[in-house]
């Protein structure tokens, strides 16, 4: 058995996606995590170009919301006090 990497992954699912995950996991008799692992394995096993075109055309797969690009050298994070000051300034402007 492959060594498991214990790294939490957070995924936001729509109500329909969550219901489908619940149904699939229940039908297979496995946990949500195992159902997702099996889905990843199924996708990884299909490497033919266009293998998922029919699923994309049917609306089951959606394109990535971001494309390839240059990774910024640091995370664009602002200090909370700066954000609060900017918010207060925006609220007082006429």
C-alpha atoms as a PDB file:
ATOM      1  CA  UNK A   1       0.000   0.000   0.000  1.00  0.00           C
ATOM      2  CA  UNK A   2       1.262   3.481  -0.834  1.00  0.00           C
ATOM      3  CA  UNK A   3       2.355   5.671   2.027  1.00  0.00           C
ATOM      4  CA  UNK A   4      -0.312   8.244   2.814  1.00  0.00           C
ATOM      5  CA  UNK A   5       0.647  11.893   2.879  1.00  0.00           C
ATOM      6  CA  UNK A   6      -1.269  13.564   5.645  1.00  0.00           C
ATOM      7  CA  UNK A   7      -1.960  16.945   4.153  1.00  0.00           C
ATOM      8  CA  UNK A   8      -5.421  18.462   4.482  1.00  0.00           C
ATOM      9  CA  UNK A   9      -6.999  19.733   1.285  1.00  0.00           C
ATOM     10  CA  UNK A  10      -9.923  22.144   1.406  1.00  0.00           C
ATOM     11  CA  UNK A  11     -12.449  21.989  -1.422  1.00  0.00           C
ATOM     12  CA  UNK A  12     -15.597  24.073  -1.758  1.00  0.00           C
ATOM     13  CA  UNK A  13     -18.471  22.053  -3.213  1.00  0.00           C
ATOM     14  CA  UNK A  14     -21.854  23.203  -4.412  1.00  0.00           C
ATOM     15  CA  UNK A  15     -24.888  21.593  -2.826  1.00  0.00           C
ATOM     16  CA  UNK A  16     -25.269  19.381  -5.902  1.00  0.00           C
ATOM     17  CA  UNK A  17     -21.600  18.332  -5.818  1.00  0.00           C
ATOM     18  CA  UNK A  18     -21.818  17.523  -2.103  1.00  0.00           C
ATOM     19  CA  UNK A  19     -24.959  15.466  -2.661  1.00  0.00           C
ATOM     20  CA  UNK A  20     -23.226  13.572  -5.478  1.00  0.00           C
ATOM     21  CA  UNK A  21     -20.207  12.917  -3.256  1.00  0.00           C
ATOM     22  CA  UNK A  22     -22.527  11.653  -0.502  1.00  0.00           C
ATOM     23  CA  UNK A  23     -24.316   9.333  -2.963  1.00  0.00           C
ATOM     24  CA  UNK A  24     -21.081   8.006  -4.497  1.00  0.00           C
ATOM     25  CA  UNK A  25     -19.416   7.366  -1.138  1.00  0.00           C
ATOM     26  CA  UNK A  26     -22.530   5.654   0.194  1.00  0.00           C
ATOM     27  CA  UNK A  27     -22.898   3.509  -2.943  1.00  0.00           C
ATOM     28  CA  UNK A  28     -19.259   2.377  -2.687  1.00  0.00           C
ATOM     29  CA  UNK A  29     -19.460   1.937   1.075  1.00  0.00           C
ATOM     30  CA  UNK A  30     -16.458   4.181   1.687  1.00  0.00           C
ATOM     31  CA  UNK A  31     -15.699   7.521   3.325  1.00  0.00           C
ATOM     32  CA  UNK A  32     -15.857  10.808   1.459  1.00  0.00           C
ATOM     33  CA  UNK A  33     -12.058  10.919   1.468  1.00  0.00           C
ATOM     34  CA  UNK A  34     -11.785   7.457  -0.077  1.00  0.00           C
ATOM     35  CA  UNK A  35     -14.377   8.323  -2.737  1.00  0.00           C
ATOM     36  CA  UNK A  36     -12.335  11.403  -3.654  1.00  0.00           C
ATOM     37  CA  UNK A  37      -9.107   9.361  -3.717  1.00  0.00           C
ATOM     38  CA  UNK A  38     -10.700   6.858  -6.086  1.00  0.00           C
ATOM     39  CA  UNK A  39     -11.890   9.684  -8.306  1.00  0.00           C
ATOM     40  CA  UNK A  40      -8.377  11.114  -8.466  1.00  0.00           C
ATOM     41  CA  UNK A  41      -6.982   7.677  -9.307  1.00  0.00           C
ATOM     42  CA  UNK A  42      -9.550   7.270 -12.073  1.00  0.00           C
ATOM     43  CA  UNK A  43      -8.612  10.638 -13.576  1.00  0.00           C
ATOM     44  CA  UNK A  44      -4.881  10.005 -13.237  1.00  0.00           C
ATOM     45  CA  UNK A  45      -5.237   6.658 -15.016  1.00  0.00           C
ATOM     46  CA  UNK A  46      -6.654   8.310 -18.138  1.00  0.00           C
ATOM     47  CA  UNK A  47      -3.929  10.237 -19.899  1.00  0.00           C
ATOM     48  CA  UNK A  48      -5.222  10.255 -23.471  1.00  0.00           C
ATOM     49  CA  UNK A  49      -5.634  13.776 -24.878  1.00  0.00           C
ATOM     50  CA  UNK A  50      -9.293  14.743 -24.876  1.00  0.00           C
ATOM     51  CA  UNK A  51     -10.246  11.794 -22.657  1.00  0.00           C
ATOM     52  CA  UNK A  52     -12.556  14.020 -20.618  1.00  0.00           C
ATOM     53  CA  UNK A  53     -13.879  16.163 -23.479  1.00  0.00           C
ATOM     54  CA  UNK A  54     -17.316  14.490 -23.292  1.00  0.00           C
ATOM     55  CA  UNK A  55     -17.530  15.181 -19.557  1.00  0.00           C
ATOM     56  CA  UNK A  56     -16.505  18.808 -20.085  1.00  0.00           C
ATOM     57  CA  UNK A  57     -19.052  19.209 -22.895  1.00  0.00           C
ATOM     58  CA  UNK A  58     -21.749  17.767 -20.627  1.00  0.00           C
ATOM     59  CA  UNK A  59     -20.856  20.292 -17.911  1.00  0.00           C
ATOM     60  CA  UNK A  60     -19.415  17.803 -15.415  1.00  0.00           C
ATOM     61  CA  UNK A  61     -15.951  19.320 -15.612  1.00  0.00           C
ATOM     62  CA  UNK A  62     -15.291  23.014 -15.584  1.00  0.00           C
ATOM     63  CA  UNK A  63     -12.154  24.780 -16.758  1.00  0.00           C
ATOM     64  CA  UNK A  64      -9.692  26.136 -14.247  1.00  0.00           C
ATOM     65  CA  UNK A  65     -10.476  29.669 -13.148  1.00  0.00           C
ATOM     66  CA  UNK A  66      -6.851  30.692 -13.465  1.00  0.00           C
ATOM     67  CA  UNK A  67      -4.355  29.945 -16.146  1.00  0.00           C
ATOM     68  CA  UNK A  68      -0.625  29.435 -16.075  1.00  0.00           C
ATOM     69  CA  UNK A  69       1.353  32.487 -15.146  1.00  0.00           C
ATOM     70  CA  UNK A  70       4.213  33.861 -13.128  1.00  0.00           C
ATOM     71  CA  UNK A  71       4.000  33.109  -9.434  1.00  0.00           C
ATOM     72  CA  UNK A  72       4.487  36.266  -7.356  1.00  0.00           C
ATOM     73  CA  UNK A  73       7.651  36.283  -5.236  1.00  0.00           C
ATOM     74  CA  UNK A  74       5.571  36.638  -2.056  1.00  0.00           C
ATOM     75  CA  UNK A  75       1.961  36.371  -0.987  1.00  0.00           C
ATOM     76  CA  UNK A  76       0.089  39.647  -1.578  1.00  0.00           C
ATOM     77  CA  UNK A  77      -1.045  40.123   2.001  1.00  0.00           C
ATOM     78  CA  UNK A  78      -1.912  43.433   3.615  1.00  0.00           C
ATOM     79  CA  UNK A  79      -1.790  44.132   7.314  1.00  0.00           C
ATOM     80  CA  UNK A  80      -5.192  44.111   8.989  1.00  0.00           C
ATOM     81  CA  UNK A  81      -4.641  47.589  10.451  1.00  0.00           C
ATOM     82  CA  UNK A  82      -3.979  48.935   6.937  1.00  0.00           C
ATOM     83  CA  UNK A  83      -7.139  47.318   5.596  1.00  0.00           C
ATOM     84  CA  UNK A  84      -9.217  48.676   8.470  1.00  0.00           C
ATOM     85  CA  UNK A  85      -7.775  52.159   7.964  1.00  0.00           C
ATOM     86  CA  UNK A  86      -8.594  52.000   4.251  1.00  0.00           C
ATOM     87  CA  UNK A  87     -12.129  50.815   5.022  1.00  0.00           C
ATOM     88  CA  UNK A  88     -12.645  53.640   7.529  1.00  0.00           C
ATOM     89  CA  UNK A  89     -11.368  56.146   4.975  1.00  0.00           C
ATOM     90  CA  UNK A  90     -13.729  54.787   2.304  1.00  0.00           C
ATOM     91  CA  UNK A  91     -16.670  55.074   4.687  1.00  0.00           C
ATOM     92  CA  UNK A  92     -15.956  58.722   5.495  1.00  0.00           C
ATOM     93  CA  UNK A  93     -15.456  59.866   1.882  1.00  0.00           C
ATOM     94  CA  UNK A  94     -18.530  61.629   0.468  1.00  0.00           C
END
